[in-house]
C-alpha atoms as a PDB file:
ATOM      1  CA  GLN A   1      46.884 153.410 122.931  1.00  0.00           C
ATOM      2  CA  VAL A   2      43.813 151.227 123.221  1.00  0.00           C
ATOM      3  CA  GLN A   3      40.984 152.543 125.344  1.00  0.00           C
ATOM      4  CA  LEU A   4      37.888 150.791 126.616  1.00  0.00           C
ATOM      5  CA  VAL A   5      35.103 153.114 127.721  1.00  0.00           C
ATOM      6  CA  GLU A   6      32.322 151.698 129.848  1.00  0.00           C
ATOM      7  CA  SER A   7      28.903 153.136 130.540  1.00  0.00           C
ATOM      8  CA  GLY A   8      25.639 152.123 132.164  1.00  0.00           C
ATOM      9  CA  GLY A   9      26.425 151.415 135.779  1.00  0.00           C
ATOM     10  CA  GLY A  10      24.311 152.743 138.611  1.00  0.00           C
ATOM     11  CA  LEU A  11      22.203 152.081 141.678  1.00  0.00           C
ATOM     12  CA  VAL A  12      19.172 149.823 141.406  1.00  0.00           C
ATOM     13  CA  GLN A  13      16.994 147.722 143.673  1.00  0.00           C
ATOM     14  CA  THR A  14      16.872 143.945 143.734  1.00  0.00           C
ATOM     15  CA  GLY A  15      15.024 142.484 140.790  1.00  0.00           C
ATOM     16  CA  GLU A  16      15.664 145.463 138.553  1.00  0.00           C
ATOM     17  CA  SER A  17      17.770 145.628 135.393  1.00  0.00           C
ATOM     18  CA  LEU A  18      20.791 147.474 134.045  1.00  0.00           C
ATOM     19  CA  ASN A  19      22.586 147.473 130.726  1.00  0.00           C
ATOM     20  CA  LEU A  20      26.319 148.004 130.538  1.00  0.00           C
ATOM     21  CA  SER A  21      28.108 149.009 127.366  1.00  0.00           C
ATOM     22  CA  CYS A  22      31.752 149.139 126.427  1.00  0.00           C
ATOM     23  CA  ALA A  23      33.285 150.765 123.377  1.00  0.00           C
ATOM     24  CA  ALA A  24      36.854 149.987 122.363  1.00  0.00           C
ATOM     25  CA  SER A  25      39.211 152.116 120.287  1.00  0.00           C
ATOM     26  CA  GLY A  26      40.516 148.955 118.613  1.00  0.00           C
ATOM     27  CA  VAL A  27      39.086 145.746 117.196  1.00  0.00           C
ATOM     28  CA  PHE A  28      38.959 142.613 119.323  1.00  0.00           C
ATOM     29  CA  ASP A  29      37.933 139.022 118.795  1.00  0.00           C
ATOM     30  CA  ILE A  30      36.885 138.576 122.390  1.00  0.00           C
ATOM     31  CA  MET A  31      35.288 141.129 124.659  1.00  0.00           C
ATOM     32  CA  GLY A  32      33.640 140.650 127.977  1.00  0.00           C
ATOM     33  CA  TRP A  33      32.980 141.705 131.516  1.00  0.00           C
ATOM     34  CA  TYR A  34      34.597 140.947 134.823  1.00  0.00           C
ATOM     35  CA  ARG A  35      33.617 142.257 138.234  1.00  0.00           C
ATOM     36  CA  GLN A  36      35.248 142.891 141.560  1.00  0.00           C
ATOM     37  CA  ALA A  37      33.378 143.243 144.817  1.00  0.00           C
ATOM     38  CA  PRO A  38      35.002 144.840 147.885  1.00  0.00           C
ATOM     39  CA  GLY A  39      37.477 142.479 149.474  1.00  0.00           C
ATOM     40  CA  LYS A  40      37.156 139.927 146.689  1.00  0.00           C
ATOM     41  CA  GLN A  41      39.154 138.957 143.648  1.00  0.00           C
ATOM     42  CA  ARG A  42      38.151 140.038 140.183  1.00  0.00           C
ATOM     43  CA  GLU A  43      35.982 137.359 138.582  1.00  0.00           C
ATOM     44  CA  LEU A  44      34.609 136.530 135.173  1.00  0.00           C
ATOM     45  CA  VAL A  45      31.040 137.581 134.453  1.00  0.00           C
ATOM     46  CA  ALA A  46      30.724 136.839 130.741  1.00  0.00           C
ATOM     47  CA  THR A  47      32.636 136.946 127.479  1.00  0.00           C
ATOM     48  CA  ARG A  48      31.600 136.796 123.859  1.00  0.00           C
ATOM     49  CA  SER A  49      33.653 136.331 120.701  1.00  0.00           C
ATOM     50  CA  VAL A  50      32.881 137.882 117.329  1.00  0.00           C
ATOM     51  CA  TYR A  51      31.968 134.344 116.242  1.00  0.00           C
ATOM     52  CA  GLY A  52      29.197 134.184 118.835  1.00  0.00           C
ATOM     53  CA  THR A  53      30.866 131.946 121.386  1.00  0.00           C
ATOM     54  CA  THR A  54      29.838 132.908 124.908  1.00  0.00           C
ATOM     55  CA  ASN A  55      31.055 132.074 128.380  1.00  0.00           C
ATOM     56  CA  TYR A  56      29.088 132.936 131.519  1.00  0.00           C
ATOM     57  CA  ALA A  57      29.746 132.633 135.210  1.00  0.00           C
ATOM     58  CA  GLU A  58      27.349 130.138 136.770  1.00  0.00           C
ATOM     59  CA  SER A  59      26.013 132.793 139.114  1.00  0.00           C
ATOM     60  CA  VAL A  60      24.689 134.950 136.247  1.00  0.00           C
ATOM     61  CA  LYS A  61      23.409 132.316 133.819  1.00  0.00           C
ATOM     62  CA  GLY A  62      19.784 132.923 132.947  1.00  0.00           C
ATOM     63  CA  ARG A  63      19.886 136.492 134.271  1.00  0.00           C
ATOM     64  CA  PHE A  64      22.641 138.220 132.255  1.00  0.00           C
ATOM     65  CA  THR A  65      23.018 138.339 128.490  1.00  0.00           C
ATOM     66  CA  ILE A  66      26.163 139.430 126.699  1.00  0.00           C
ATOM     67  CA  SER A  67      26.052 140.734 123.160  1.00  0.00           C
ATOM     68  CA  ARG A  68      28.315 142.412 120.662  1.00  0.00           C
ATOM     69  CA  GLY A  69      27.569 145.445 118.547  1.00  0.00           C
ATOM     70  CA  ASP A  70      25.739 145.316 115.237  1.00  0.00           C
ATOM     71  CA  GLY A  71      27.499 145.397 111.890  1.00  0.00           C
ATOM     72  CA  LYS A  72      31.029 146.741 112.079  1.00  0.00           C
ATOM     73  CA  LEU A  73      30.517 147.507 115.764  1.00  0.00           C
ATOM     74  CA  VAL A  74      30.693 143.772 116.447  1.00  0.00           C
ATOM     75  CA  HIS A  75      34.476 144.147 116.584  1.00  0.00           C
ATOM     76  CA  THR A  76      34.572 147.107 118.965  1.00  0.00           C
ATOM     77  CA  THR A  77      31.602 147.004 121.334  1.00  0.00           C
ATOM     78  CA  VAL A  78      30.130 144.718 123.931  1.00  0.00           C
ATOM     79  CA  HIS A  79      26.973 144.980 125.993  1.00  0.00           C
ATOM     80  CA  LEU A  80      25.802 143.261 129.142  1.00  0.00           C
ATOM     81  CA  GLN A  81      22.089 143.142 129.855  1.00  0.00           C
ATOM     82  CA  MET A  82      21.649 142.368 133.536  1.00  0.00           C
ATOM     83  CA  ASN A  83      18.200 141.309 134.700  1.00  0.00           C
ATOM     84  CA  ASP A  84      16.879 140.240 138.084  1.00  0.00           C
ATOM     85  CA  LEU A  85      19.794 141.886 139.835  1.00  0.00           C
ATOM     86  CA  ARG A  86      20.729 140.661 143.291  1.00  0.00           C
ATOM     87  CA  ILE A  87      22.590 142.272 146.149  1.00  0.00           C
ATOM     88  CA  GLU A  88      25.498 139.930 145.474  1.00  0.00           C
ATOM     89  CA  ASP A  89      25.850 141.420 141.983  1.00  0.00           C
ATOM     90  CA  THR A  90      27.110 144.618 143.583  1.00  0.00           C
ATOM     91  CA  ALA A  91      30.625 145.246 142.288  1.00  0.00           C
ATOM     92  CA  VAL A  92      32.766 147.316 139.988  1.00  0.00           C
ATOM     93  CA  TYR A  93      32.324 145.917 136.494  1.00  0.00           C
ATOM     94  CA  PHE A  94      35.291 146.003 134.143  1.00  0.00           C
ATOM     95  CA  CYS A  95      35.235 145.662 130.391  1.00  0.00           C
ATOM     96  CA  ASN A  96      37.893 143.329 129.023  1.00  0.00           C
ATOM     97  CA  ALA A  97      39.172 142.804 125.497  1.00  0.00           C
ATOM     98  CA  HIS A  98      41.829 140.812 123.692  1.00  0.00           C
ATOM     99  CA  GLN A  99      42.687 139.354 120.335  1.00  0.00           C
ATOM    100  CA  ILE A 100      42.996 135.612 119.832  1.00  0.00           C
ATOM    101  CA  GLY A 101      46.677 134.760 119.564  1.00  0.00           C
ATOM    102  CA  SER A 102      47.833 137.925 121.310  1.00  0.00           C
ATOM    103  CA  SER A 103      49.113 138.146 124.863  1.00  0.00           C
ATOM    104  CA  SER A 104      47.853 141.714 125.237  1.00  0.00           C
ATOM    105  CA  VAL A 105      44.773 142.153 127.379  1.00  0.00           C
ATOM    106  CA  TYR A 106      42.999 145.455 127.833  1.00  0.00           C
ATOM    107  CA  TRP A 107      40.795 146.713 130.632  1.00  0.00           C
ATOM    108  CA  GLY A 108      38.354 149.543 131.053  1.00  0.00           C
ATOM    109  CA  GLN A 109      38.370 151.833 134.056  1.00  0.00           C
ATOM    110  CA  GLY A 110      35.382 150.112 135.641  1.00  0.00           C
ATOM    111  CA  THR A 111      31.794 151.108 136.311  1.00  0.00           C
ATOM    112  CA  GLN A 112      30.042 150.701 139.642  1.00  0.00           C
ATOM    113  CA  VAL A 113      26.913 148.591 139.910  1.00  0.00           C
ATOM    114  CA  THR A 114      25.146 148.743 143.247  1.00  0.00           C
ATOM    115  CA  VAL A 115      22.080 146.671 144.049  1.00  0.00           C
ATOM    116  CA  SER A 116      20.127 147.527 147.172  1.00  0.00           C
ATOM    117  CA  SER A 117      17.233 145.795 148.890  1.00  0.00           C
END
């Protein structure tokens, strides 16, 4: 059974930074992050393929950077560097992974990011 294990969430103040990491027990072409704030739907934050293609939500462009692991870890890990955090970035962040051509999508258990003023 595939597992995605997230780490790096926490409580920070506005303008500060956090780095999220996700390690998968399988290999995936595309890995990324979604988030869900209380009372809101889960939304895309950013994704990155092993080929380097990225996709960012407009609200995080210029502040967040998604990257994959180095070497062989490129297939199994994804990181999200979050800078200049805002109160509206507060949410549970979920790691997401899938293979191109497969209908199977995998999710991590979520990690809380809280930004306070």
